Every structure is written in structure tokens, then in C-alpha cells.
Amino acid sequence: MGNLGATEILLILLVVVLLFGGRKIPELMKGIGQGMKEFKKASHLEDETDKPTAEPKKDEEKNKG
């Protein structure tokens, strides 16, 4: 269980076409793509805010003053 063959994939696609119709599928895929794009953007921004900022080393502070 867990391995999908060609027959199962075709059956799933057929059910999706029957449920949503041929015109609605491109709209659904566009929405999914935009959602993934927003998710990646948000996770990338979150990674940048988690990184600590670089602080000057103590040796550099002593040399300046």
C-alpha cells in the first residue's frame, strides 16, 4: 500500500475532472501554485529573522577606543 501505479493515477485524475470540471482545474492549480509561493516566501523571511545579527568582537572594540 502506498505505491500508486499508472492505473490508480489515471483513476484519480478522472475523478478530479468529473468533480471539478475541465475549466475549474487550471484555476485550482493556479491557486495551489500561489499558495506554495507565499509559503516559501514566508518561510524564507522567517529564516532571515531567526539569524542573529553580527556583533563586533571585543578585540575590535578595544582597538577603536
Protein backbone atom coordinates (compact mmCIF):
# COMPACT_ATOMS: atom_id res chain seq x y z
CA MET A 1 0.00 0.00 0.00
CA GLY A 2 1.40 3.41 -0.84
CA ASN A 3 2.65 2.63 -4.32
CA LEU A 4 0.48 4.27 -6.95
CA GLY A 5 0.58 2.77 -10.38
CA ALA A 6 -0.46 4.36 -13.66
CA THR A 7 -3.97 2.96 -13.40
CA GLU A 8 -4.56 4.46 -9.96
CA ILE A 9 -3.22 7.86 -11.01
CA LEU A 10 -5.45 7.90 -14.10
CA LEU A 11 -8.45 6.95 -11.97
CA ILE A 12 -7.72 9.76 -9.51
CA LEU A 13 -7.33 12.27 -12.37
CA LEU A 14 -10.61 11.10 -13.89
CA VAL A 15 -12.42 11.60 -10.57
CA VAL A 16 -10.92 15.09 -10.21
CA VAL A 17 -12.04 16.05 -13.72
CA LEU A 18 -15.53 14.72 -13.04
CA LEU A 19 -15.81 16.55 -9.73
CA PHE A 20 -14.40 19.92 -10.72
CA GLY A 21 -14.80 20.03 -14.49
CA GLY A 22 -12.16 20.86 -17.06
CA ARG A 23 -12.48 24.63 -16.69
CA LYS A 24 -12.03 24.72 -12.94
CA ILE A 25 -8.80 22.65 -12.77
CA PRO A 26 -6.45 25.39 -14.11
CA GLU A 27 -7.87 27.81 -11.54
CA LEU A 28 -7.29 25.27 -8.77
CA MET A 29 -3.70 24.65 -9.89
CA LYS A 30 -3.06 28.40 -10.05
CA GLY A 31 -4.32 28.78 -6.50
CA ILE A 32 -2.16 25.92 -5.28
CA GLY A 33 0.89 27.42 -7.00
CA GLN A 34 0.30 30.84 -5.47
CA GLY A 35 -0.15 29.26 -2.06
CA MET A 36 3.13 27.39 -2.36
CA LYS A 37 4.88 30.57 -3.50
CA GLU A 38 3.56 32.50 -0.49
CA PHE A 39 4.55 29.69 1.86
CA LYS A 40 8.12 29.60 0.53
CA LYS A 41 8.35 33.39 0.74
CA ALA A 42 7.11 33.42 4.33
CA SER A 43 9.42 30.61 5.41
CA HIS A 44 12.38 32.34 3.77
CA LEU A 45 11.59 35.60 5.59
CA GLU A 46 11.23 33.71 8.86
CA ASP A 47 14.67 32.13 8.38
CA GLU A 48 16.25 35.57 7.90
CA THR A 49 14.69 36.96 11.09
CA ASP A 50 15.87 33.96 13.13
CA LYS A 51 19.54 34.56 12.32
CA PRO A 52 21.35 36.66 14.93
CA THR A 53 22.95 39.87 13.76
CA ALA A 54 26.71 40.07 13.72
CA GLU A 55 28.10 41.88 16.74
CA PRO A 56 31.57 43.42 16.76
CA LYS A 57 34.18 41.36 18.53
CA LYS A 58 35.65 42.57 21.81
CA ASP A 59 39.10 42.93 20.22
CA GLU A 60 37.71 45.33 17.62
CA GLU A 61 36.06 47.45 20.32
CA LYS A 62 39.35 47.74 22.25
CA ASN A 63 41.25 48.83 19.12
CA LYS A 64 38.76 51.62 18.40
CA GLY A 65 38.75 53.20 21.84
